[in-house]
Amino acid sequence: MLQQIDQACSAAGIQPGLHLSGHAHLYERYTRTVAGKQIPYLVAGMGGYYNLPGLKPGKPAPAPSAPLSGTDASGNPLRLEVYNDATFGFLRITVSPAAITGEFVTVDPSSGKTGTGDSFTLDLKTNKVSNGTTSSKGGAKGAAAKLNTSASATKAPKAASKPATAKPKSSGRKK
C-alpha cells in the first residue's frame, strides 16, 4: 500500500507531513524517512467499537518490540517507535504553522483515569520527528500505559449499555 500512496503523492507533486489510519484495537507509530523527510505514520484505534468485548483474550502472537528499525519495500528507512495493543485510549493531534504534535491519551476503562501512552512532535521546518513521552510499549505481555492518578485526571464517561440514537433536529419549518 505504501507504493500506491507514494505513486499518488508523486503524481500530485506532494509529500504528506503525517499519515493517519484507523484500527479497532491497537496503536502503532512508525517514522518513515523519504528523501530525507521524516514522516510519522500512525495507526490509531484504541477506542474499540460498540460491543467490543474488551482487548482480545487468549494467547496472541508475540507483539513487536519497539523500537524496531528496518526498511520498507522501496528501501526507505522505517522505524517502529511505539506499539500498544493493551490499552484503550484516543489520539490528540495539534497543528500549528511550525509543528504537528500528537499524543496517544490512554484511558483506564475501569476507573476512567487518563495517561500518556505516547507523544511526538514533527517540526515542519526541518521535517524531523522528535519523540516525547512513551509510557507503554504494549504487546501481549506489555504493561498498560502509566496512568495519571492525580485528582485532576480527566474521567471518561461510562459506556452506555446500548448505542445512543440521535433524533433528527427540527429545521423549524412547517411542512
Protein backbone atom coordinates (compact mmCIF):
# COMPACT_ATOMS: atom_id res chain seq x y z
CA MET A 1 0.00 0.00 0.00
CA LEU A 2 2.93 2.37 0.65
CA GLN A 3 3.90 2.11 -3.00
CA GLN A 4 0.41 3.19 -4.10
CA ILE A 5 0.46 6.11 -1.63
CA ASP A 6 3.93 7.10 -2.89
CA GLN A 7 2.76 6.94 -6.52
CA ALA A 8 -0.31 9.08 -5.81
CA CYS A 9 1.79 11.65 -3.90
CA SER A 10 4.41 11.72 -6.65
CA ALA A 11 1.76 12.23 -9.34
CA ALA A 12 0.28 15.12 -7.31
CA GLY A 13 3.72 16.59 -6.58
CA ILE A 14 3.26 16.43 -2.81
CA GLN A 15 4.60 14.50 0.17
CA PRO A 16 2.43 14.07 3.27
CA GLY A 17 3.56 15.54 6.58
CA LEU A 18 1.63 12.91 8.55
CA HIS A 19 -0.14 9.68 7.68
CA LEU A 20 -3.16 8.65 9.80
CA SER A 21 -5.07 5.39 9.65
CA GLY A 22 -7.50 3.64 11.95
CA HIS A 23 -7.94 0.25 13.56
CA ALA A 24 -10.26 -1.33 16.13
CA HIS A 25 -7.87 -2.31 18.88
CA LEU A 26 -4.30 -1.04 18.73
CA TYR A 27 -1.93 1.93 18.49
CA GLU A 28 1.25 1.99 16.43
CA ARG A 29 3.58 4.81 15.44
CA TYR A 30 6.24 4.49 12.78
CA THR A 31 8.69 7.04 11.41
CA ARG A 32 9.34 6.61 7.70
CA THR A 33 12.11 8.60 6.04
CA VAL A 34 11.57 9.51 2.37
CA ALA A 35 14.14 11.70 0.60
CA GLY A 36 15.47 12.89 3.98
CA LYS A 37 11.99 13.84 5.26
CA GLN A 38 10.74 12.03 8.38
CA ILE A 39 7.02 11.22 8.20
CA PRO A 40 5.07 9.89 11.19
CA TYR A 41 2.70 7.04 10.29
CA LEU A 42 0.06 6.37 12.91
CA VAL A 43 -2.40 3.53 13.32
CA ALA A 44 -4.80 4.82 15.93
CA GLY A 45 -7.78 2.81 17.02
CA MET A 46 -7.57 2.18 20.72
CA GLY A 47 -11.16 3.32 21.27
CA GLY A 48 -12.58 -0.02 20.19
CA TYR A 49 -16.15 -0.14 18.92
CA TYR A 50 -19.65 -0.90 20.22
CA ASN A 51 -19.91 -4.45 21.59
CA LEU A 52 -16.13 -4.86 21.59
CA PRO A 53 -15.79 -7.40 24.41
CA GLY A 54 -12.50 -5.89 25.52
CA LEU A 55 -8.97 -6.41 24.40
CA LYS A 56 -8.52 -9.80 22.78
CA PRO A 57 -8.15 -12.62 25.33
CA GLY A 58 -6.16 -15.78 24.82
CA LYS A 59 -2.62 -16.31 23.65
CA PRO A 60 -1.91 -13.73 20.95
CA ALA A 61 1.08 -13.77 18.61
CA PRO A 62 4.16 -12.12 20.07
CA ALA A 63 3.97 -8.35 19.76
CA PRO A 64 6.77 -6.46 18.10
CA SER A 65 9.22 -4.91 20.50
CA ALA A 66 9.58 -1.18 19.85
CA PRO A 67 11.77 0.47 18.83
CA LEU A 68 12.43 -1.68 15.80
CA SER A 69 14.22 -0.49 12.64
CA GLY A 70 14.18 -1.75 9.07
CA THR A 71 13.27 -0.61 5.58
CA ASP A 72 10.06 -0.50 3.58
CA ALA A 73 9.57 -2.23 0.20
CA SER A 74 11.18 0.77 -1.55
CA GLY A 75 14.26 0.69 0.68
CA ASN A 76 13.30 3.76 2.74
CA PRO A 77 14.26 3.68 6.44
CA LEU A 78 11.28 2.68 8.61
CA ARG A 79 11.25 2.59 12.39
CA LEU A 80 8.51 1.27 14.68
CA GLU A 81 8.56 3.81 17.52
CA VAL A 82 5.62 2.59 19.63
CA TYR A 83 3.37 -0.45 19.61
CA ASN A 84 0.49 -0.81 22.08
CA ASP A 85 -2.29 -3.37 21.91
CA ALA A 86 -3.00 -3.47 25.64
CA THR A 87 -4.51 -0.05 26.46
CA PHE A 88 -7.64 1.81 25.39
CA GLY A 89 -7.39 5.50 24.51
CA PHE A 90 -7.56 8.10 21.78
CA LEU A 91 -5.29 10.28 19.67
CA ARG A 92 -4.99 14.06 20.13
CA ILE A 93 -3.38 15.97 17.23
CA THR A 94 -2.41 19.65 17.40
CA VAL A 95 -1.35 21.50 14.25
CA SER A 96 0.39 24.88 14.12
CA PRO A 97 2.35 26.65 11.37
CA ALA A 98 5.59 25.33 12.94
CA ALA A 99 4.76 21.79 14.08
CA ILE A 100 2.38 18.87 14.32
CA THR A 101 2.19 17.28 17.76
CA GLY A 102 0.47 14.05 18.61
CA GLU A 103 -0.44 12.43 21.90
CA PHE A 104 -1.89 8.99 22.49
CA VAL A 105 -4.07 9.54 25.56
CA THR A 106 -4.66 6.30 27.44
CA VAL A 107 -7.90 5.63 29.32
CA ASP A 108 -8.36 3.03 32.04
CA PRO A 109 -11.88 1.64 31.33
CA SER A 110 -12.49 0.66 34.96
CA SER A 111 -11.52 3.99 36.56
CA GLY A 112 -11.74 6.45 33.67
CA LYS A 113 -8.33 7.85 34.55
CA THR A 114 -6.13 9.05 31.72
CA GLY A 115 -2.41 8.98 30.98
CA THR A 116 0.02 9.48 28.12
CA GLY A 117 0.95 6.38 26.15
CA ASP A 118 2.97 8.22 23.51
CA SER A 119 3.72 11.71 22.24
CA PHE A 120 5.73 13.15 19.37
CA THR A 121 6.39 16.38 17.53
CA LEU A 122 7.02 16.84 13.83
CA ASP A 123 8.98 20.05 13.15
CA LEU A 124 7.53 21.28 9.86
CA LYS A 125 10.60 23.38 9.03
CA THR A 126 13.21 20.61 9.45
CA ASN A 127 10.87 17.67 8.72
CA LYS A 128 12.26 15.84 11.76
CA VAL A 129 10.26 13.85 14.31
CA SER A 130 11.14 14.07 17.99
CA ASN A 131 9.79 11.53 20.43
CA GLY A 132 8.10 12.68 23.59
CA THR A 133 6.74 10.58 26.41
CA THR A 134 6.20 6.88 25.90
CA SER A 135 4.87 5.10 28.96
CA SER A 136 3.96 1.80 27.36
CA LYS A 137 5.13 -0.48 24.64
CA GLY A 138 2.03 -2.64 24.89
CA GLY A 139 2.15 -6.04 23.29
CA ALA A 140 0.94 -9.37 24.56
CA LYS A 141 2.89 -9.05 27.79
CA GLY A 142 3.29 -5.26 27.73
CA ALA A 143 2.23 -3.25 30.72
CA ALA A 144 -0.62 -0.79 30.40
CA ALA A 145 0.42 2.82 29.97
CA LYS A 146 1.22 4.65 33.18
CA LEU A 147 -2.00 6.26 34.30
CA ASN A 148 -2.39 9.72 35.72
CA THR A 149 -3.65 9.15 39.24
CA SER A 150 -3.88 12.79 40.27
CA ALA A 151 -7.17 14.28 41.36
CA SER A 152 -7.18 16.41 38.22
CA ALA A 153 -7.24 13.38 35.92
CA THR A 154 -9.98 13.52 33.33
CA LYS A 155 -12.64 10.94 33.95
CA ALA A 156 -14.08 9.21 30.91
CA PRO A 157 -17.85 8.80 30.75
CA LYS A 158 -19.19 5.32 31.43
CA ALA A 159 -20.19 3.46 28.29
CA ALA A 160 -23.89 3.03 27.70
CA SER A 161 -25.21 -0.49 27.51
CA LYS A 162 -26.82 0.32 24.13
CA PRO A 163 -25.70 2.71 21.41
CA ALA A 164 -27.29 6.14 21.60
CA THR A 165 -29.67 7.04 18.82
CA ALA A 166 -29.97 10.68 17.90
CA LYS A 167 -33.29 12.17 16.89
CA PRO A 168 -33.13 14.42 13.86
CA LYS A 169 -33.28 18.12 14.71
CA SER A 170 -36.26 20.05 13.54
CA SER A 171 -35.50 22.68 10.94
CA GLY A 172 -38.22 24.89 12.43
CA ARG A 173 -40.10 24.94 9.13
CA LYS A 174 -43.63 23.62 8.85
CA LYS A 175 -44.39 21.26 6.04
